[in-house]
Amino acid sequence: MQETRPTIMTLDEVARYLRLHKSTVYRMAREGRLPGNKVAGQWRFKKERLVEWFEKQEELGEL
């Protein structure tokens, strides 16, 4: 059986993925508007949670 692990992304990777500036991603994460956690002082994001967040934003018409 193949183990599935969540894809963990850095702030730079999320910025490229969402096509946003790094400072925008940082600000949104810091304000709690983007799902992420700090690990050893650096932001980390689960790709699955970002996809869920994006889909919810679409549903709410906030994109």
C-alpha atoms as a PDB file:
ATOM      1  CA  MET A   1       0.000   0.000   0.000  1.00  0.00           C
ATOM      2  CA  GLN A   2       1.327   3.423  -0.938  1.00  0.00           C
ATOM      3  CA  GLU A   3       1.516   5.987   1.844  1.00  0.00           C
ATOM      4  CA  THR A   4       0.007   9.344   0.988  1.00  0.00           C
ATOM      5  CA  ARG A   5       1.453  12.388   2.691  1.00  0.00           C
ATOM      6  CA  PRO A   6       0.197  15.922   2.451  1.00  0.00           C
ATOM      7  CA  THR A   7       2.210  18.149   0.170  1.00  0.00           C
ATOM      8  CA  ILE A   8       3.839  20.828   2.289  1.00  0.00           C
ATOM      9  CA  MET A   9       4.616  24.092   0.504  1.00  0.00           C
ATOM     10  CA  THR A  10       6.806  27.044   1.409  1.00  0.00           C
ATOM     11  CA  LEU A  11       5.723  30.664   1.159  1.00  0.00           C
ATOM     12  CA  ASP A  12       7.591  31.019  -2.157  1.00  0.00           C
ATOM     13  CA  GLU A  13       5.913  27.917  -3.577  1.00  0.00           C
ATOM     14  CA  VAL A  14       2.462  29.144  -2.521  1.00  0.00           C
ATOM     15  CA  ALA A  15       3.121  32.536  -4.113  1.00  0.00           C
ATOM     16  CA  ARG A  16       3.997  30.835  -7.410  1.00  0.00           C
ATOM     17  CA  TYR A  17       1.067  28.405  -7.110  1.00  0.00           C
ATOM     18  CA  LEU A  18      -1.503  31.157  -6.469  1.00  0.00           C
ATOM     19  CA  ARG A  19       0.320  33.632  -8.751  1.00  0.00           C
ATOM     20  CA  LEU A  20       0.531  36.217  -5.995  1.00  0.00           C
ATOM     21  CA  HIS A  21       3.420  38.295  -4.702  1.00  0.00           C
ATOM     22  CA  LYS A  22       5.273  36.770  -1.749  1.00  0.00           C
ATOM     23  CA  SER A  23       4.417  39.742   0.453  1.00  0.00           C
ATOM     24  CA  THR A  24       0.703  39.243  -0.309  1.00  0.00           C
ATOM     25  CA  VAL A  25       0.872  35.575   0.703  1.00  0.00           C
ATOM     26  CA  TYR A  26       2.822  36.480   3.854  1.00  0.00           C
ATOM     27  CA  ARG A  27       0.317  39.185   4.829  1.00  0.00           C
ATOM     28  CA  MET A  28      -2.703  36.941   4.197  1.00  0.00           C
ATOM     29  CA  ALA A  29      -1.164  34.098   6.231  1.00  0.00           C
ATOM     30  CA  ARG A  30      -0.178  36.417   9.071  1.00  0.00           C
ATOM     31  CA  GLU A  31      -3.722  37.851   9.177  1.00  0.00           C
ATOM     32  CA  GLY A  32      -5.226  34.346   9.207  1.00  0.00           C
ATOM     33  CA  ARG A  33      -6.861  34.798   5.799  1.00  0.00           C
ATOM     34  CA  LEU A  34      -4.795  32.012   4.222  1.00  0.00           C
ATOM     35  CA  PRO A  35      -4.453  28.583   5.911  1.00  0.00           C
ATOM     36  CA  GLY A  36      -0.885  28.037   7.039  1.00  0.00           C
ATOM     37  CA  ASN A  37       1.312  27.410  10.073  1.00  0.00           C
ATOM     38  CA  LYS A  38       4.666  28.629  11.247  1.00  0.00           C
ATOM     39  CA  VAL A  39       7.261  25.904  11.763  1.00  0.00           C
ATOM     40  CA  ALA A  40      10.564  26.966  13.290  1.00  0.00           C
ATOM     41  CA  GLY A  41       9.774  30.560  12.334  1.00  0.00           C
ATOM     42  CA  GLN A  42       8.950  29.798   8.691  1.00  0.00           C
ATOM     43  CA  TRP A  43       5.535  29.549   7.045  1.00  0.00           C
ATOM     44  CA  ARG A  44       4.393  26.156   5.758  1.00  0.00           C
ATOM     45  CA  PHE A  45       1.175  25.358   3.907  1.00  0.00           C
ATOM     46  CA  LYS A  46      -0.635  22.094   3.108  1.00  0.00           C
ATOM     47  CA  LYS A  47      -1.575  22.074  -0.553  1.00  0.00           C
ATOM     48  CA  GLU A  48      -4.852  20.262   0.183  1.00  0.00           C
ATOM     49  CA  ARG A  49      -5.941  23.019   2.569  1.00  0.00           C
ATOM     50  CA  LEU A  50      -5.037  25.689   0.016  1.00  0.00           C
ATOM     51  CA  VAL A  51      -7.190  23.951  -2.607  1.00  0.00           C
ATOM     52  CA  GLU A  52     -10.095  23.733  -0.128  1.00  0.00           C
ATOM     53  CA  TRP A  53      -9.628  27.406   0.790  1.00  0.00           C
ATOM     54  CA  PHE A  54      -9.561  28.443  -2.869  1.00  0.00           C
ATOM     55  CA  GLU A  55     -12.734  26.491  -3.669  1.00  0.00           C
ATOM     56  CA  LYS A  56     -14.514  28.026  -0.676  1.00  0.00           C
ATOM     57  CA  GLN A  57     -13.470  31.518  -1.791  1.00  0.00           C
ATOM     58  CA  GLU A  58     -14.927  30.766  -5.236  1.00  0.00           C
ATOM     59  CA  GLU A  59     -18.225  29.619  -3.673  1.00  0.00           C
ATOM     60  CA  LEU A  60     -18.420  32.781  -1.581  1.00  0.00           C
ATOM     61  CA  GLY A  61     -17.589  34.944  -4.579  1.00  0.00           C
ATOM     62  CA  GLU A  62     -14.570  36.419  -2.817  1.00  0.00           C
ATOM     63  CA  LEU A  63     -12.046  35.848  -5.605  1.00  0.00           C
END
